[in-house]
PDB file of N, CA and C in Angstrom:
ATOM      1  N   MET A   1     -17.164  -0.222   8.744  1.00  0.00           N
ATOM      2  CA  MET A   1     -15.617  -1.113   8.843  1.00  0.00           C
ATOM      3  C   MET A   1     -15.403  -1.031  10.625  1.00  0.00           C
ATOM      4  N   VAL A   2     -14.360  -1.821  10.923  1.00  0.00           N
ATOM      5  CA  VAL A   2     -13.616  -1.446  12.114  1.00  0.00           C
ATOM      6  C   VAL A   2     -12.461  -1.576  12.179  1.00  0.00           C
ATOM      7  N   PHE A   3     -12.132  -0.427  13.512  1.00  0.00           N
ATOM      8  CA  PHE A   3     -10.688  -0.182  13.660  1.00  0.00           C
ATOM      9  C   PHE A   3      -9.879  -1.390  14.264  1.00  0.00           C
ATOM     10  N   ARG A   4      -9.014  -2.039  12.837  1.00  0.00           N
ATOM     11  CA  ARG A   4      -7.938  -2.792  14.378  1.00  0.00           C
ATOM     12  C   ARG A   4      -7.005  -2.845  14.703  1.00  0.00           C
ATOM     13  N   LYS A   5      -6.355  -3.038  15.674  1.00  0.00           N
ATOM     14  CA  LYS A   5      -5.126  -2.744  16.602  1.00  0.00           C
ATOM     15  C   LYS A   5      -4.411  -3.552  15.603  1.00  0.00           C
ATOM     16  N   ILE A   6      -3.212  -3.052  14.978  1.00  0.00           N
ATOM     17  CA  ILE A   6      -2.354  -3.944  14.469  1.00  0.00           C
ATOM     18  C   ILE A   6      -0.702  -3.825  15.752  1.00  0.00           C
ATOM     19  N   SER A   7      -0.072  -4.606  15.719  1.00  0.00           N
ATOM     20  CA  SER A   7       0.843  -4.664  16.299  1.00  0.00           C
ATOM     21  C   SER A   7       2.348  -3.642  15.826  1.00  0.00           C
ATOM     22  N   VAL A   8       1.655  -2.828  15.415  1.00  0.00           N
ATOM     23  CA  VAL A   8       2.914  -2.497  14.835  1.00  0.00           C
ATOM     24  C   VAL A   8       2.677  -0.499  15.846  1.00  0.00           C
ATOM     25  N   MET A   9       4.006  -0.140  16.330  1.00  0.00           N
ATOM     26  CA  MET A   9       4.764   0.879  16.756  1.00  0.00           C
ATOM     27  C   MET A   9       4.302   1.955  16.097  1.00  0.00           C
ATOM     28  N   ALA A  10       3.772   3.430  16.236  1.00  0.00           N
ATOM     29  CA  ALA A  10       3.632   4.331  15.649  1.00  0.00           C
ATOM     30  C   ALA A  10       4.980   5.003  15.338  1.00  0.00           C
ATOM     31  N   LYS A  11       5.884   4.878  16.513  1.00  0.00           N
ATOM     32  CA  LYS A  11       6.913   5.009  16.387  1.00  0.00           C
ATOM     33  C   LYS A  11       8.306   4.721  15.747  1.00  0.00           C
ATOM     34  N   ILE A  12       8.193   3.631  14.897  1.00  0.00           N
ATOM     35  CA  ILE A  12       8.969   3.071  14.221  1.00  0.00           C
ATOM     36  C   ILE A  12       8.922   3.550  13.476  1.00  0.00           C
ATOM     37  N   PHE A  13       7.965   4.166  12.618  1.00  0.00           N
ATOM     38  CA  PHE A  13       7.885   5.726  11.433  1.00  0.00           C
ATOM     39  C   PHE A  13       8.706   6.728  11.787  1.00  0.00           C
ATOM     40  N   ASP A  14       9.664   6.920  12.656  1.00  0.00           N
ATOM     41  CA  ASP A  14      10.788   7.927  12.720  1.00  0.00           C
ATOM     42  C   ASP A  14      11.336   7.398  12.363  1.00  0.00           C
ATOM     43  N   ALA A  15      12.297   6.098  12.320  1.00  0.00           N
ATOM     44  CA  ALA A  15      13.396   6.068  11.652  1.00  0.00           C
ATOM     45  C   ALA A  15      13.056   5.483  10.232  1.00  0.00           C
ATOM     46  N   ARG A  16      12.035   4.844   9.861  1.00  0.00           N
ATOM     47  CA  ARG A  16      11.634   4.535   8.377  1.00  0.00           C
ATOM     48  C   ARG A  16       9.990   5.476   7.739  1.00  0.00           C
ATOM     49  N   ASP A  17       9.797   5.217   6.386  1.00  0.00           N
ATOM     50  CA  ASP A  17       8.605   5.782   6.124  1.00  0.00           C
ATOM     51  C   ASP A  17       7.525   5.254   5.924  1.00  0.00           C
ATOM     52  N   HIS A  18       7.465   3.998   5.574  1.00  0.00           N
ATOM     53  CA  HIS A  18       6.806   2.765   5.552  1.00  0.00           C
ATOM     54  C   HIS A  18       7.222   1.483   5.541  1.00  0.00           C
ATOM     55  N   ALA A  19       5.845   0.682   6.073  1.00  0.00           N
ATOM     56  CA  ALA A  19       6.041  -0.514   6.020  1.00  0.00           C
ATOM     57  C   ALA A  19       4.822  -1.668   5.769  1.00  0.00           C
ATOM     58  N   VAL A  20       5.714  -2.231   5.482  1.00  0.00           N
ATOM     59  CA  VAL A  20       3.839  -3.852   5.000  1.00  0.00           C
ATOM     60  C   VAL A  20       3.929  -4.732   6.346  1.00  0.00           C
ATOM     61  N   VAL A  21       2.803  -4.369   6.482  1.00  0.00           N
ATOM     62  CA  VAL A  21       1.773  -5.815   6.965  1.00  0.00           C
ATOM     63  C   VAL A  21       1.011  -6.576   6.806  1.00  0.00           C
ATOM     64  N   ILE A  22       0.715  -7.837   7.245  1.00  0.00           N
ATOM     65  CA  ILE A  22      -0.026  -8.897   7.078  1.00  0.00           C
ATOM     66  C   ILE A  22      -1.401  -9.053   7.738  1.00  0.00           C
ATOM     67  N   ILE A  23      -2.648  -8.664   7.343  1.00  0.00           N
ATOM     68  CA  ILE A  23      -3.898  -8.434   7.987  1.00  0.00           C
ATOM     69  C   ILE A  23      -4.496  -9.439   7.240  1.00  0.00           C
ATOM     70  N   ASP A  24      -4.944 -10.498   8.017  1.00  0.00           N
ATOM     71  CA  ASP A  24      -5.880 -11.667   7.598  1.00  0.00           C
ATOM     72  C   ASP A  24      -5.583 -11.949   5.755  1.00  0.00           C
ATOM     73  N   ASN A  25      -4.002 -12.703   6.095  1.00  0.00           N
ATOM     74  CA  ASN A  25      -3.248 -12.873   5.158  1.00  0.00           C
ATOM     75  C   ASN A  25      -3.307 -11.601   3.632  1.00  0.00           C
ATOM     76  N   THR A  26      -3.564 -10.522   4.087  1.00  0.00           N
ATOM     77  CA  THR A  26      -3.759  -9.391   3.076  1.00  0.00           C
ATOM     78  C   THR A  26      -2.463  -8.577   3.337  1.00  0.00           C
ATOM     79  N   PRO A  27      -1.150  -8.559   2.279  1.00  0.00           N
ATOM     80  CA  PRO A  27      -0.772  -7.450   2.739  1.00  0.00           C
ATOM     81  C   PRO A  27      -1.122  -5.717   2.568  1.00  0.00           C
ATOM     82  N   VAL A  28      -0.542  -5.378   3.599  1.00  0.00           N
ATOM     83  CA  VAL A  28      -1.404  -3.446   3.709  1.00  0.00           C
ATOM     84  C   VAL A  28       0.463  -3.288   3.718  1.00  0.00           C
ATOM     85  N   LEU A  29       0.036  -2.043   2.798  1.00  0.00           N
ATOM     86  CA  LEU A  29       1.711  -1.218   2.920  1.00  0.00           C
ATOM     87  C   LEU A  29       0.743   0.462   3.838  1.00  0.00           C
ATOM     88  N   ILE A  30       1.637   0.303   4.961  1.00  0.00           N
ATOM     89  CA  ILE A  30       1.506   1.425   5.481  1.00  0.00           C
ATOM     90  C   ILE A  30       2.669   2.639   5.455  1.00  0.00           C
ATOM     91  N   VAL A  31       2.299   4.533   5.167  1.00  0.00           N
ATOM     92  CA  VAL A  31       2.945   4.667   4.432  1.00  0.00           C
ATOM     93  C   VAL A  31       2.922   6.122   5.926  1.00  0.00           C
ATOM     94  N   LYS A  32       3.932   6.586   5.959  1.00  0.00           N
ATOM     95  CA  LYS A  32       3.850   8.031   6.898  1.00  0.00           C
ATOM     96  C   LYS A  32       4.079   8.935   6.269  1.00  0.00           C
ATOM     97  N   HIS A  33       3.126   9.537   5.673  1.00  0.00           N
ATOM     98  CA  HIS A  33       3.593  10.954   4.612  1.00  0.00           C
ATOM     99  C   HIS A  33       3.431  11.882   5.067  1.00  0.00           C
ATOM    100  N   ASN A  34       3.992  13.048   5.398  1.00  0.00           N
ATOM    101  CA  ASN A  34       3.954  14.522   6.466  1.00  0.00           C
ATOM    102  C   ASN A  34       3.374  14.869   7.858  1.00  0.00           C
ATOM    103  N   GLY A  35       3.783  13.749   8.393  1.00  0.00           N
ATOM    104  CA  GLY A  35       3.115  13.106   9.276  1.00  0.00           C
ATOM    105  C   GLY A  35       1.830  12.792   9.812  1.00  0.00           C
ATOM    106  N   GLU A  36       1.073  12.095   8.097  1.00  0.00           N
ATOM    107  CA  GLU A  36      -0.284  11.642   8.370  1.00  0.00           C
ATOM    108  C   GLU A  36       0.468  10.171   8.259  1.00  0.00           C
ATOM    109  N   PHE A  37      -0.631   9.046   8.492  1.00  0.00           N
ATOM    110  CA  PHE A  37      -0.232   7.557   8.335  1.00  0.00           C
ATOM    111  C   PHE A  37      -1.124   7.200   7.456  1.00  0.00           C
ATOM    112  N   TYR A  38      -0.514   6.492   6.568  1.00  0.00           N
ATOM    113  CA  TYR A  38      -2.303   5.949   4.915  1.00  0.00           C
ATOM    114  C   TYR A  38      -1.692   4.812   5.147  1.00  0.00           C
ATOM    115  N   ALA A  39      -2.562   4.137   5.101  1.00  0.00           N
ATOM    116  CA  ALA A  39      -2.641   2.204   4.329  1.00  0.00           C
ATOM    117  C   ALA A  39      -3.420   1.905   3.043  1.00  0.00           C
ATOM    118  N   MET A  40      -2.438   1.168   2.557  1.00  0.00           N
ATOM    119  CA  MET A  40      -3.651   0.628   0.630  1.00  0.00           C
ATOM    120  C   MET A  40      -2.966  -0.663   0.675  1.00  0.00           C
ATOM    121  N   ASP A  41      -3.619  -1.211   0.027  1.00  0.00           N
ATOM    122  CA  ASP A  41      -3.579  -3.121   0.080  1.00  0.00           C
ATOM    123  C   ASP A  41      -2.104  -3.227  -0.869  1.00  0.00           C
ATOM    124  N   ALA A  42      -1.218  -3.456  -0.294  1.00  0.00           N
ATOM    125  CA  ALA A  42      -0.066  -3.665  -1.375  1.00  0.00           C
ATOM    126  C   ALA A  42       0.693  -4.899  -2.201  1.00  0.00           C
ATOM    127  N   ARG A  43      -0.689  -5.506  -2.502  1.00  0.00           N
ATOM    128  CA  ARG A  43      -0.776  -6.604  -3.393  1.00  0.00           C
ATOM    129  C   ARG A  43      -0.855  -5.650  -4.972  1.00  0.00           C
ATOM    130  N   CYS A  44      -0.226  -5.546  -6.370  1.00  0.00           N
ATOM    131  CA  CYS A  44      -0.135  -4.938  -7.206  1.00  0.00           C
ATOM    132  C   CYS A  44      -0.899  -6.095  -8.222  1.00  0.00           C
ATOM    133  N   PRO A  45      -1.911  -4.945  -9.022  1.00  0.00           N
ATOM    134  CA  PRO A  45      -3.200  -5.483  -9.810  1.00  0.00           C
ATOM    135  C   PRO A  45      -2.740  -6.214 -10.810  1.00  0.00           C
ATOM    136  N   HIS A  46      -1.240  -6.249 -11.072  1.00  0.00           N
ATOM    137  CA  HIS A  46      -1.227  -6.417 -11.928  1.00  0.00           C
ATOM    138  C   HIS A  46      -0.739  -7.725 -12.474  1.00  0.00           C
ATOM    139  N   MET A  47      -1.752  -9.081 -12.859  1.00  0.00           N
ATOM    140  CA  MET A  47      -0.992 -10.057 -12.504  1.00  0.00           C
ATOM    141  C   MET A  47      -1.280 -10.454 -11.192  1.00  0.00           C
ATOM    142  N   GLY A  48      -1.746  -9.566 -10.314  1.00  0.00           N
ATOM    143  CA  GLY A  48      -2.164 -10.123  -8.700  1.00  0.00           C
ATOM    144  C   GLY A  48      -0.929 -10.411  -8.288  1.00  0.00           C
ATOM    145  N   CYS A  49       0.583 -10.259  -8.906  1.00  0.00           N
ATOM    146  CA  CYS A  49       1.649 -10.618  -8.269  1.00  0.00           C
ATOM    147  C   CYS A  49       2.690  -9.185  -7.667  1.00  0.00           C
ATOM    148  N   GLY A  50       2.920  -9.582  -6.785  1.00  0.00           N
ATOM    149  CA  GLY A  50       4.086  -8.367  -6.412  1.00  0.00           C
ATOM    150  C   GLY A  50       3.738  -7.770  -5.437  1.00  0.00           C
ATOM    151  N   VAL A  51       4.813  -7.366  -4.233  1.00  0.00           N
ATOM    152  CA  VAL A  51       3.901  -6.876  -2.831  1.00  0.00           C
ATOM    153  C   VAL A  51       4.763  -5.375  -3.466  1.00  0.00           C
ATOM    154  N   LEU A  52       3.911  -4.602  -3.084  1.00  0.00           N
ATOM    155  CA  LEU A  52       4.361  -2.857  -3.264  1.00  0.00           C
ATOM    156  C   LEU A  52       5.098  -2.537  -1.829  1.00  0.00           C
ATOM    157  N   SER A  53       6.173  -2.759  -2.149  1.00  0.00           N
ATOM    158  CA  SER A  53       6.904  -2.543  -0.692  1.00  0.00           C
ATOM    159  C   SER A  53       8.078  -1.657  -0.662  1.00  0.00           C
ATOM    160  N   ASP A  54       7.729  -0.665  -2.087  1.00  0.00           N
ATOM    161  CA  ASP A  54       9.085   0.179  -2.019  1.00  0.00           C
ATOM    162  C   ASP A  54       8.101   1.825  -2.399  1.00  0.00           C
ATOM    163  N   VAL A  55       8.751   2.195  -1.734  1.00  0.00           N
ATOM    164  CA  VAL A  55       7.835   3.713  -2.186  1.00  0.00           C
ATOM    165  C   VAL A  55       8.384   5.225  -2.350  1.00  0.00           C
ATOM    166  N   GLU A  56       8.467   5.655  -3.527  1.00  0.00           N
ATOM    167  CA  GLU A  56       8.836   7.004  -3.699  1.00  0.00           C
ATOM    168  C   GLU A  56       8.420   8.141  -3.575  1.00  0.00           C
ATOM    169  N   ASP A  57       9.108   9.523  -3.530  1.00  0.00           N
ATOM    170  CA  ASP A  57       8.459  10.972  -3.113  1.00  0.00           C
ATOM    171  C   ASP A  57       7.578  10.875  -1.855  1.00  0.00           C
ATOM    172  N   GLY A  58       7.254   9.695  -1.037  1.00  0.00           N
ATOM    173  CA  GLY A  58       6.784   9.799   0.396  1.00  0.00           C
ATOM    174  C   GLY A  58       5.501   8.791   0.004  1.00  0.00           C
ATOM    175  N   HIS A  59       4.801   9.041  -1.044  1.00  0.00           N
ATOM    176  CA  HIS A  59       3.837   8.077  -1.009  1.00  0.00           C
ATOM    177  C   HIS A  59       3.035   7.382  -2.071  1.00  0.00           C
ATOM    178  N   ILE A  60       4.396   7.310  -3.083  1.00  0.00           N
ATOM    179  CA  ILE A  60       4.034   6.614  -4.333  1.00  0.00           C
ATOM    180  C   ILE A  60       4.730   5.371  -4.258  1.00  0.00           C
ATOM    181  N   ALA A  61       3.573   4.342  -4.134  1.00  0.00           N
ATOM    182  CA  ALA A  61       4.422   2.691  -4.587  1.00  0.00           C
ATOM    183  C   ALA A  61       4.858   2.298  -5.103  1.00  0.00           C
ATOM    184  N   VAL A  62       5.819   1.402  -5.843  1.00  0.00           N
ATOM    185  CA  VAL A  62       5.844   0.759  -7.189  1.00  0.00           C
ATOM    186  C   VAL A  62       6.124  -0.413  -6.588  1.00  0.00           C
ATOM    187  N   CYS A  63       5.564  -0.990  -7.529  1.00  0.00           N
ATOM    188  CA  CYS A  63       5.685  -2.445  -7.428  1.00  0.00           C
ATOM    189  C   CYS A  63       7.209  -3.139  -8.283  1.00  0.00           C
ATOM    190  N   PRO A  64       7.876  -4.335  -7.586  1.00  0.00           N
ATOM    191  CA  PRO A  64       9.219  -4.103  -7.652  1.00  0.00           C
ATOM    192  C   PRO A  64       9.362  -5.200  -9.232  1.00  0.00           C
ATOM    193  N   LEU A  65       8.263  -5.672  -9.177  1.00  0.00           N
ATOM    194  CA  LEU A  65       8.007  -6.411 -10.667  1.00  0.00           C
ATOM    195  C   LEU A  65       8.215  -5.182 -11.923  1.00  0.00           C
ATOM    196  N   HIS A  66       6.854  -4.982 -12.122  1.00  0.00           N
ATOM    197  CA  HIS A  66       6.958  -4.295 -13.518  1.00  0.00           C
ATOM    198  C   HIS A  66       6.494  -2.732 -12.765  1.00  0.00           C
ATOM    199  N   LYS A  67       7.341  -2.122 -12.093  1.00  0.00           N
ATOM    200  CA  LYS A  67       7.493  -0.966 -11.833  1.00  0.00           C
ATOM    201  C   LYS A  67       5.868  -0.070 -12.160  1.00  0.00           C
ATOM    202  N   ALA A  68       4.976  -0.522 -11.877  1.00  0.00           N
ATOM    203  CA  ALA A  68       3.924   0.049 -11.943  1.00  0.00           C
ATOM    204  C   ALA A  68       3.469   0.687 -10.731  1.00  0.00           C
ATOM    205  N   LYS A  69       3.072   2.513 -10.615  1.00  0.00           N
ATOM    206  CA  LYS A  69       2.925   3.338  -9.401  1.00  0.00           C
ATOM    207  C   LYS A  69       1.720   3.201  -9.129  1.00  0.00           C
ATOM    208  N   PHE A  70       1.718   3.326  -7.910  1.00  0.00           N
ATOM    209  CA  PHE A  70       0.282   3.740  -6.972  1.00  0.00           C
ATOM    210  C   PHE A  70       0.361   4.446  -5.757  1.00  0.00           C
ATOM    211  N   ASP A  71      -0.591   5.986  -5.785  1.00  0.00           N
ATOM    212  CA  ASP A  71      -0.554   6.735  -4.669  1.00  0.00           C
ATOM    213  C   ASP A  71      -1.290   6.033  -3.870  1.00  0.00           C
ATOM    214  N   VAL A  72      -0.141   5.879  -2.350  1.00  0.00           N
ATOM    215  CA  VAL A  72      -1.297   5.396  -1.433  1.00  0.00           C
ATOM    216  C   VAL A  72      -2.188   6.517  -0.498  1.00  0.00           C
ATOM    217  N   LEU A  73      -2.175   7.645  -0.614  1.00  0.00           N
ATOM    218  CA  LEU A  73      -2.973   8.399  -0.613  1.00  0.00           C
ATOM    219  C   LEU A  73      -4.715   8.152  -0.830  1.00  0.00           C
ATOM    220  N   THR A  74      -4.614   7.402  -2.509  1.00  0.00           N
ATOM    221  CA  THR A  74      -5.902   7.460  -2.848  1.00  0.00           C
ATOM    222  C   THR A  74      -5.840   6.122  -3.896  1.00  0.00           C
ATOM    223  N   GLY A  75      -4.993   5.524  -4.257  1.00  0.00           N
ATOM    224  CA  GLY A  75      -5.062   3.857  -4.461  1.00  0.00           C
ATOM    225  C   GLY A  75      -4.979   4.014  -5.688  1.00  0.00           C
ATOM    226  N   ASP A  76      -4.921   5.150  -6.030  1.00  0.00           N
ATOM    227  CA  ASP A  76      -4.578   5.512  -8.198  1.00  0.00           C
ATOM    228  C   ASP A  76      -3.926   4.921  -8.417  1.00  0.00           C
ATOM    229  N   MET A  77      -3.981   4.480  -9.309  1.00  0.00           N
ATOM    230  CA  MET A  77      -2.336   4.101 -10.623  1.00  0.00           C
ATOM    231  C   MET A  77      -1.847   5.404 -11.134  1.00  0.00           C
ATOM    232  N   VAL A  78      -1.099   5.734 -10.896  1.00  0.00           N
ATOM    233  CA  VAL A  78      -0.469   6.749 -11.574  1.00  0.00           C
ATOM    234  C   VAL A  78       0.768   6.525 -12.513  1.00  0.00           C
ATOM    235  N   SER A  79       0.693   5.209 -12.760  1.00  0.00           N
ATOM    236  CA  SER A  79       2.119   4.893 -14.210  1.00  0.00           C
ATOM    237  C   SER A  79       1.749   3.334 -14.072  1.00  0.00           C
ATOM    238  N   GLN A  80       1.429   2.840 -15.396  1.00  0.00           N
ATOM    239  CA  GLN A  80       1.236   1.374 -15.672  1.00  0.00           C
ATOM    240  C   GLN A  80       2.451   0.767 -15.890  1.00  0.00           C
ATOM    241  N   PRO A  81       2.338  -0.499 -16.060  1.00  0.00           N
ATOM    242  CA  PRO A  81       3.256  -1.669 -15.687  1.00  0.00           C
ATOM    243  C   PRO A  81       4.494  -1.399 -17.005  1.00  0.00           C
ATOM    244  N   ILE A  82       5.494  -1.749 -16.783  1.00  0.00           N
ATOM    245  CA  ILE A  82       6.129  -1.640 -18.431  1.00  0.00           C
ATOM    246  C   ILE A  82       6.128  -3.066 -18.350  1.00  0.00           C
ATOM    247  N   VAL A  83       5.688  -3.549 -19.292  1.00  0.00           N
ATOM    248  CA  VAL A  83       5.418  -4.851 -20.186  1.00  0.00           C
ATOM    249  C   VAL A  83       5.634  -4.476 -21.947  1.00  0.00           C
ATOM    250  N   MET A  84       5.823  -6.207 -22.431  1.00  0.00           N
ATOM    251  CA  MET A  84       6.681  -5.710 -23.338  1.00  0.00           C
ATOM    252  C   MET A  84       5.356  -5.510 -24.488  1.00  0.00           C
ATOM    253  N   PRO A  85       5.457  -3.776 -25.544  1.00  0.00           N
ATOM    254  CA  PRO A  85       4.661  -3.197 -26.199  1.00  0.00           C
ATOM    255  C   PRO A  85       3.648  -3.997 -26.959  1.00  0.00           C
ATOM    256  N   GLU A  86       3.580  -5.092 -27.607  1.00  0.00           N
ATOM    257  CA  GLU A  86       2.698  -5.470 -28.437  1.00  0.00           C
ATOM    258  C   GLU A  86       2.054  -6.492 -27.406  1.00  0.00           C
ATOM    259  N   ARG A  87       2.058  -6.699 -26.376  1.00  0.00           N
ATOM    260  CA  ARG A  87       1.019  -7.280 -25.491  1.00  0.00           C
ATOM    261  C   ARG A  87       0.873  -6.194 -24.593  1.00  0.00           C
ATOM    262  N   LYS A  88      -0.850  -6.536 -24.609  1.00  0.00           N
ATOM    263  CA  LYS A  88      -1.674  -6.418 -23.606  1.00  0.00           C
ATOM    264  C   LYS A  88      -1.598  -6.078 -21.906  1.00  0.00           C
ATOM    265  N   CYS A  89      -1.396  -5.251 -21.507  1.00  0.00           N
ATOM    266  CA  CYS A  89      -1.156  -5.754 -19.960  1.00  0.00           C
ATOM    267  C   CYS A  89      -2.644  -5.943 -19.536  1.00  0.00           C
ATOM    268  N   GLU A  90      -2.410  -7.653 -18.605  1.00  0.00           N
ATOM    269  CA  GLU A  90      -3.430  -8.037 -18.288  1.00  0.00           C
ATOM    270  C   GLU A  90      -3.696  -7.827 -16.272  1.00  0.00           C
ATOM    271  N   PHE A  91      -4.832  -7.653 -15.913  1.00  0.00           N
ATOM    272  CA  PHE A  91      -4.702  -7.145 -14.827  1.00  0.00           C
ATOM    273  C   PHE A  91      -6.029  -8.220 -14.127  1.00  0.00           C
ATOM    274  N   ASN A  92      -5.423  -8.743 -12.556  1.00  0.00           N
ATOM    275  CA  ASN A  92      -6.402  -9.732 -11.967  1.00  0.00           C
ATOM    276  C   ASN A  92      -7.484  -9.096 -11.588  1.00  0.00           C
ATOM    277  N   LYS A  93      -8.397 -10.014 -12.009  1.00  0.00           N
ATOM    278  CA  LYS A  93      -9.822  -9.338 -11.738  1.00  0.00           C
ATOM    279  C   LYS A  93     -10.492  -9.318 -10.811  1.00  0.00           C
ATOM    280  N   GLU A  94      -9.611  -9.682  -9.395  1.00  0.00           N
ATOM    281  CA  GLU A  94      -9.900  -9.061  -7.976  1.00  0.00           C
ATOM    282  C   GLU A  94      -9.325  -8.006  -8.032  1.00  0.00           C
ATOM    283  N   LEU A  95      -7.893  -7.818  -8.578  1.00  0.00           N
ATOM    284  CA  LEU A  95      -7.634  -6.233  -8.238  1.00  0.00           C
ATOM    285  C   LEU A  95      -7.324  -5.330  -8.855  1.00  0.00           C
ATOM    286  N   GLN A  96      -8.312  -5.044  -9.119  1.00  0.00           N
ATOM    287  CA  GLN A  96      -8.684  -3.550 -10.014  1.00  0.00           C
ATOM    288  C   GLN A  96      -8.183  -2.099  -9.484  1.00  0.00           C
ATOM    289  N   PRO A  97      -7.614  -1.002 -10.461  1.00  0.00           N
ATOM    290  CA  PRO A  97      -7.099  -0.019  -9.338  1.00  0.00           C
ATOM    291  C   PRO A  97      -8.558   0.593  -9.870  1.00  0.00           C
ATOM    292  N   PRO A  98      -8.597   1.706  -9.136  1.00  0.00           N
ATOM    293  CA  PRO A  98      -7.861   2.326  -7.610  1.00  0.00           C
ATOM    294  C   PRO A  98      -7.846   0.889  -6.928  1.00  0.00           C
ATOM    295  N   LEU A  99      -6.511   0.741  -5.895  1.00  0.00           N
ATOM    296  CA  LEU A  99      -6.266  -0.031  -4.987  1.00  0.00           C
ATOM    297  C   LEU A  99      -6.782   0.426  -3.969  1.00  0.00           C
ATOM    298  N   LYS A 100      -7.325  -0.323  -2.467  1.00  0.00           N
ATOM    299  CA  LYS A 100      -8.505  -0.108  -1.644  1.00  0.00           C
ATOM    300  C   LYS A 100      -7.400   0.841  -0.879  1.00  0.00           C
ATOM    301  N   THR A 101      -7.649   1.782  -0.073  1.00  0.00           N
ATOM    302  CA  THR A 101      -7.157   2.347   0.808  1.00  0.00           C
ATOM    303  C   THR A 101      -7.582   2.349   1.976  1.00  0.00           C
ATOM    304  N   TYR A 102      -7.255   2.453   3.377  1.00  0.00           N
ATOM    305  CA  TYR A 102      -7.455   2.027   4.477  1.00  0.00           C
ATOM    306  C   TYR A 102      -7.558   3.438   5.349  1.00  0.00           C
ATOM    307  N   ARG A 103      -8.152   3.774   6.975  1.00  0.00           N
ATOM    308  CA  ARG A 103      -8.189   4.990   7.471  1.00  0.00           C
ATOM    309  C   ARG A 103      -6.934   4.526   8.439  1.00  0.00           C
ATOM    310  N   VAL A 104      -5.937   5.201   8.987  1.00  0.00           N
ATOM    311  CA  VAL A 104      -5.214   4.957  10.018  1.00  0.00           C
ATOM    312  C   VAL A 104      -5.493   5.936  10.796  1.00  0.00           C
ATOM    313  N   ARG A 105      -5.301   5.232  12.119  1.00  0.00           N
ATOM    314  CA  ARG A 105      -4.888   6.244  13.298  1.00  0.00           C
ATOM    315  C   ARG A 105      -4.158   5.535  14.667  1.00  0.00           C
ATOM    316  N   VAL A 106      -3.481   6.326  15.436  1.00  0.00           N
ATOM    317  CA  VAL A 106      -2.748   5.795  16.089  1.00  0.00           C
ATOM    318  C   VAL A 106      -3.407   5.876  18.116  1.00  0.00           C
ATOM    319  N   SER A 107      -3.449   4.166  18.628  1.00  0.00           N
ATOM    320  CA  SER A 107      -3.996   4.484  19.708  1.00  0.00           C
ATOM    321  C   SER A 107      -3.450   5.220  20.479  1.00  0.00           C
ATOM    322  N   PRO A 108      -4.143   5.162  21.583  1.00  0.00           N
ATOM    323  CA  PRO A 108      -3.508   5.933  22.831  1.00  0.00           C
ATOM    324  C   PRO A 108      -2.188   5.455  23.791  1.00  0.00           C
ATOM    325  N   GLU A 109      -1.702   4.139  23.201  1.00  0.00           N
ATOM    326  CA  GLU A 109      -0.512   3.388  23.548  1.00  0.00           C
ATOM    327  C   GLU A 109       0.057   3.429  22.380  1.00  0.00           C
ATOM    328  N   GLY A 110       0.425   3.781  21.435  1.00  0.00           N
ATOM    329  CA  GLY A 110       1.367   4.261  20.116  1.00  0.00           C
ATOM    330  C   GLY A 110       0.919   3.327  18.904  1.00  0.00           C
ATOM    331  N   LEU A 111      -0.122   2.150  19.415  1.00  0.00           N
ATOM    332  CA  LEU A 111      -0.075   1.345  18.072  1.00  0.00           C
ATOM    333  C   LEU A 111      -0.554   1.888  16.925  1.00  0.00           C
ATOM    334  N   LEU A 112      -0.814   1.389  15.890  1.00  0.00           N
ATOM    335  CA  LEU A 112      -1.323   1.996  14.586  1.00  0.00           C
ATOM    336  C   LEU A 112      -2.990   0.675  14.362  1.00  0.00           C
ATOM    337  N   GLU A 113      -3.889   1.409  14.319  1.00  0.00           N
ATOM    338  CA  GLU A 113      -5.161   1.193  14.361  1.00  0.00           C
ATOM    339  C   GLU A 113      -5.370   1.126  12.984  1.00  0.00           C
ATOM    340  N   ILE A 114      -5.950   0.166  12.389  1.00  0.00           N
ATOM    341  CA  ILE A 114      -6.432   0.739  10.879  1.00  0.00           C
ATOM    342  C   ILE A 114      -8.201  -0.072  10.439  1.00  0.00           C
ATOM    343  N   ASP A 115      -8.949   0.954   9.984  1.00  0.00           N
ATOM    344  CA  ASP A 115      -9.997   0.587   9.782  1.00  0.00           C
ATOM    345  C   ASP A 115     -10.367  -0.220   7.947  1.00  0.00           C
ATOM    346  N   ILE A 116     -10.249  -1.948   8.572  1.00  0.00           N
ATOM    347  CA  ILE A 116     -10.051  -2.730   7.614  1.00  0.00           C
ATOM    348  C   ILE A 116     -11.238  -3.670   7.897  1.00  0.00           C
TER     349      ILE A 116
END
């Protein structure tokens, strides 16, 4: 993998703890947690819908559609989607948990770089 510089300044995370960016048509969630940056695929694997843009407890991404939860530090699903109990939860075959995580660093210019 190669670190790619994105047009996001690290200092914007002084005012917010997360943001979603698009890299090669892929939504990526970036979170600043305990002073460190983390990034994860922001597409919920439940039916491939929803962008994980809500964050709880500093590092738990929540799907806005069915409330599945993922740990941004590991990509692991920590809570299943809320679906009708009589139906089996389906997942997009291309997006199986755990979700892909990416290393993040800050360039000397203060821009974020993601290993994607």
